[in-house]
Amino acid sequence: APPGIVLIAINPYEALPIYGDEVIRAYSGRQLGDMDPHIFAVAEEALGQMVRFGRSQSLVISGESGAGKTASAKYAMRFFTTAGGCHGDASMEEKVLASSPLMEAFGNAKTTRNDNSSRFGKYLEIGFIQENVTGATIKTYLLEKSRVTFQAKEERNYHIFYQLCASASLPELQGLGLRECPPVSVTPM
């Protein structure tokens, strides 16, 4: 098999106007190399290869803490649902990604490099009929179980523990036996 495509992206740590619908339309249907390197160019190539040859495709998104892996995966999913369309449900992207804040509470922690660092790997499998997205499943793999019992100085364990402490007085959590904790700052999701 020929080598895969490699895209090196840098997280600018700010919102840029390079991921909107007009940019998706610009990359949709274009050949790889016709335009500047972009996550949408890689997604278009994978979508085109899948439709032309009927073979499954994979996007491997890797990088250090805070590199923008989750954001890149969301942009690729957005490309697939916008450029390829959704079979039967136009809000598929929102449904697939709606679980993200809940998953982040259980799987993200504060590290010395990132206040909201994912401590798990994600495997996102997207189903298609031709180029139309039909559904998706997300599997997660916890990478750092040790963080539950130990954190390095200046780090903290999974956000869910802090959120439970901060919510201990809520009526719906009274039966859990939680104790009030000193105020903590919970990183917004």
Protein backbone atom coordinates (compact mmCIF):
# COMPACT_ATOMS: atom_id res chain seq x y z
CA ALA A 1 0.00 0.00 0.00
CA PRO A 2 1.23 3.51 -0.72
CA PRO A 3 2.22 5.63 2.29
CA GLY A 4 -0.51 7.67 3.92
CA ILE A 5 -0.91 11.41 3.94
CA VAL A 6 0.73 13.31 6.80
CA LEU A 7 -0.54 16.71 7.90
CA ILE A 8 1.32 18.61 10.57
CA ALA A 9 -0.94 21.16 12.23
CA ILE A 10 -0.12 23.66 14.96
CA ASN A 11 -2.62 24.70 17.62
CA PRO A 12 -2.78 28.53 17.53
CA TYR A 13 -4.62 28.59 20.91
CA GLU A 14 -7.21 30.97 19.45
CA ALA A 15 -10.18 30.72 17.10
CA LEU A 16 -9.29 31.31 13.45
CA PRO A 17 -11.72 31.82 10.56
CA ILE A 18 -10.37 28.81 8.65
CA TYR A 19 -12.93 26.17 9.67
CA GLY A 20 -16.25 27.64 8.53
CA ASP A 21 -18.75 26.30 6.01
CA GLU A 22 -17.26 28.40 3.20
CA VAL A 23 -13.86 26.75 3.76
CA ILE A 24 -15.52 23.32 3.82
CA ARG A 25 -17.16 24.10 0.48
CA ALA A 26 -13.82 25.28 -0.93
CA TYR A 27 -12.12 21.95 -0.07
CA SER A 28 -15.07 19.74 -0.95
CA GLY A 29 -14.52 17.81 -4.17
CA ARG A 30 -10.96 19.12 -4.65
CA GLN A 31 -7.92 16.98 -5.30
CA LEU A 32 -5.27 16.75 -2.61
CA GLY A 33 -2.62 19.37 -3.35
CA ASP A 34 -4.98 21.72 -5.23
CA MET A 35 -5.21 23.90 -2.13
CA ASP A 36 -3.17 24.64 0.99
CA PRO A 37 -2.66 21.79 3.49
CA HIS A 38 -5.65 21.61 5.85
CA ILE A 39 -7.56 19.07 7.94
CA PHE A 40 -10.38 19.47 5.41
CA ALA A 41 -8.05 18.43 2.55
CA VAL A 42 -7.17 15.23 4.43
CA ALA A 43 -10.84 14.57 5.25
CA GLU A 44 -11.84 15.14 1.59
CA GLU A 45 -9.16 12.72 0.42
CA ALA A 46 -10.35 10.04 2.86
CA LEU A 47 -13.98 10.59 1.87
CA GLY A 48 -13.11 10.45 -1.84
CA GLN A 49 -11.04 7.28 -1.44
CA MET A 50 -13.84 5.62 0.50
CA VAL A 51 -16.48 6.48 -2.10
CA ARG A 52 -14.31 5.69 -5.16
CA PHE A 53 -12.85 2.41 -3.96
CA GLY A 54 -15.39 1.28 -1.34
CA ARG A 55 -12.68 0.80 1.29
CA SER A 56 -12.64 1.92 4.89
CA GLN A 57 -10.38 4.87 5.65
CA SER A 58 -8.66 5.99 8.84
CA LEU A 59 -7.53 9.35 10.12
CA VAL A 60 -4.96 9.07 12.90
CA ILE A 61 -4.76 12.28 14.91
CA SER A 62 -1.82 12.35 17.29
CA GLY A 63 0.10 14.91 19.29
CA GLU A 64 1.15 16.22 22.66
CA SER A 65 -1.14 17.52 25.37
CA GLY A 66 -2.85 20.68 24.15
CA ALA A 67 -1.91 20.08 20.51
CA GLY A 68 -5.53 20.26 19.36
CA LYS A 69 -6.28 16.60 18.69
CA THR A 70 -9.89 16.76 19.88
CA ALA A 71 -10.51 19.97 17.92
CA SER A 72 -9.04 18.41 14.77
CA ALA A 73 -11.29 15.37 15.14
CA LYS A 74 -14.32 17.66 15.52
CA TYR A 75 -13.32 19.59 12.38
CA ALA A 76 -12.98 16.36 10.41
CA MET A 77 -16.40 15.19 11.63
CA ARG A 78 -17.86 18.57 10.71
CA PHE A 79 -16.37 18.25 7.22
CA PHE A 80 -17.90 14.79 6.75
CA THR A 81 -21.36 15.90 7.88
CA THR A 82 -21.30 19.17 5.91
CA ALA A 83 -19.56 18.13 2.67
CA GLY A 84 -20.86 14.57 2.51
CA GLY A 85 -24.17 15.16 4.19
CA CYS A 86 -26.08 13.11 6.73
CA HIS A 87 -28.37 10.25 5.88
CA GLY A 88 -31.70 10.99 7.51
CA ASP A 89 -30.57 13.42 10.23
CA ALA A 90 -28.90 16.78 9.70
CA SER A 91 -27.86 17.08 13.38
CA MET A 92 -25.66 13.95 13.40
CA GLU A 93 -22.49 15.90 14.21
CA GLU A 94 -24.12 17.51 17.25
CA LYS A 95 -25.47 14.17 18.46
CA VAL A 96 -22.14 12.41 18.12
CA LEU A 97 -20.19 15.18 19.81
CA ALA A 98 -22.82 16.07 22.46
CA SER A 99 -21.35 13.51 24.81
CA SER A 100 -17.96 15.27 24.74
CA PRO A 101 -18.42 17.47 27.88
CA LEU A 102 -19.55 14.48 29.94
CA MET A 103 -16.69 12.34 28.66
CA GLU A 104 -14.25 15.20 29.36
CA ALA A 105 -15.41 15.42 33.00
CA PHE A 106 -14.56 11.76 33.51
CA GLY A 107 -11.45 11.66 31.36
CA ASN A 108 -9.79 15.09 31.53
CA ALA A 109 -7.48 16.42 34.21
CA LYS A 110 -5.24 19.39 34.87
CA THR A 111 -1.62 18.83 33.90
CA THR A 112 1.33 21.18 34.00
CA ARG A 113 0.88 21.76 30.25
CA ASN A 114 -2.89 21.93 29.89
CA ASP A 115 -5.77 22.80 32.26
CA ASN A 116 -8.16 20.47 30.41
CA SER A 117 -5.94 17.66 29.19
CA SER A 118 -7.58 14.50 27.90
CA ARG A 119 -6.32 11.49 29.81
CA PHE A 120 -7.94 9.02 27.43
CA GLY A 121 -7.64 8.03 23.81
CA LYS A 122 -10.70 8.11 21.59
CA TYR A 123 -11.65 5.84 18.73
CA LEU A 124 -14.42 7.41 16.65
CA GLU A 125 -16.02 5.13 14.08
CA ILE A 126 -18.26 6.88 11.56
CA GLY A 127 -20.74 4.94 9.43
CA PHE A 128 -21.44 6.00 5.85
CA ILE A 129 -23.77 5.18 2.98
CA GLN A 130 -21.77 6.50 0.04
CA GLU A 131 -20.62 9.92 1.28
CA ASN A 132 -23.53 10.42 3.71
CA VAL A 133 -22.86 9.98 7.42
CA THR A 134 -25.31 7.48 8.94
CA GLY A 135 -24.07 7.37 12.52
CA ALA A 136 -21.04 7.11 14.74
CA THR A 137 -19.76 5.43 17.86
CA ILE A 138 -17.04 6.63 20.21
CA LYS A 139 -14.88 4.25 22.22
CA THR A 140 -12.59 5.65 24.88
CA TYR A 141 -9.45 4.21 26.39
CA LEU A 142 -8.30 5.54 29.76
CA LEU A 143 -4.59 6.27 29.53
CA GLU A 144 -3.69 7.28 33.08
CA LYS A 145 -5.55 5.34 35.76
CA SER A 146 -2.83 6.29 38.25
CA ARG A 147 -4.09 9.90 38.24
CA VAL A 148 -7.09 8.78 40.35
CA THR A 149 -4.83 8.18 43.37
CA PHE A 150 -1.78 10.37 42.69
CA GLN A 151 -1.13 13.70 41.01
CA ALA A 152 2.15 15.50 40.55
CA LYS A 153 2.56 18.89 42.19
CA GLU A 154 0.63 21.60 40.29
CA GLU A 155 -1.62 18.95 38.69
CA ARG A 156 -5.01 17.58 39.73
CA ASN A 157 -6.95 14.44 39.03
CA TYR A 158 -10.01 14.02 36.84
CA HIS A 159 -12.41 16.96 36.74
CA ILE A 160 -15.38 14.79 37.75
CA PHE A 161 -14.10 14.56 41.34
CA TYR A 162 -13.98 18.35 41.64
CA GLN A 163 -17.38 18.72 39.99
CA LEU A 164 -18.91 16.24 42.42
CA CYS A 165 -17.43 18.12 45.39
CA ALA A 166 -18.65 21.45 44.04
CA SER A 167 -22.14 19.95 43.56
CA ALA A 168 -22.36 17.99 46.82
CA SER A 169 -25.15 20.19 48.21
CA LEU A 170 -27.49 19.67 45.24
CA PRO A 171 -30.66 17.76 46.21
CA GLU A 172 -30.26 15.18 43.45
CA LEU A 173 -26.82 14.20 44.82
CA GLN A 174 -27.81 13.92 48.50
CA GLY A 175 -28.00 10.11 48.41
CA LEU A 176 -24.40 9.73 47.22
CA GLY A 177 -22.81 10.45 50.59
CA LEU A 178 -20.66 13.28 49.25
CA ARG A 179 -19.19 15.82 51.65
CA GLU A 180 -18.95 19.53 51.11
CA CYS A 181 -15.46 20.42 49.90
CA PRO A 182 -13.60 23.69 50.05
CA PRO A 183 -14.23 25.84 46.96
CA VAL A 184 -12.35 24.59 43.92
CA SER A 185 -12.04 26.07 40.48
CA VAL A 186 -13.50 23.69 37.94
CA THR A 187 -12.19 24.09 34.42
CA PRO A 188 -15.12 24.82 32.09
CA MET A 189 -15.72 22.21 29.43
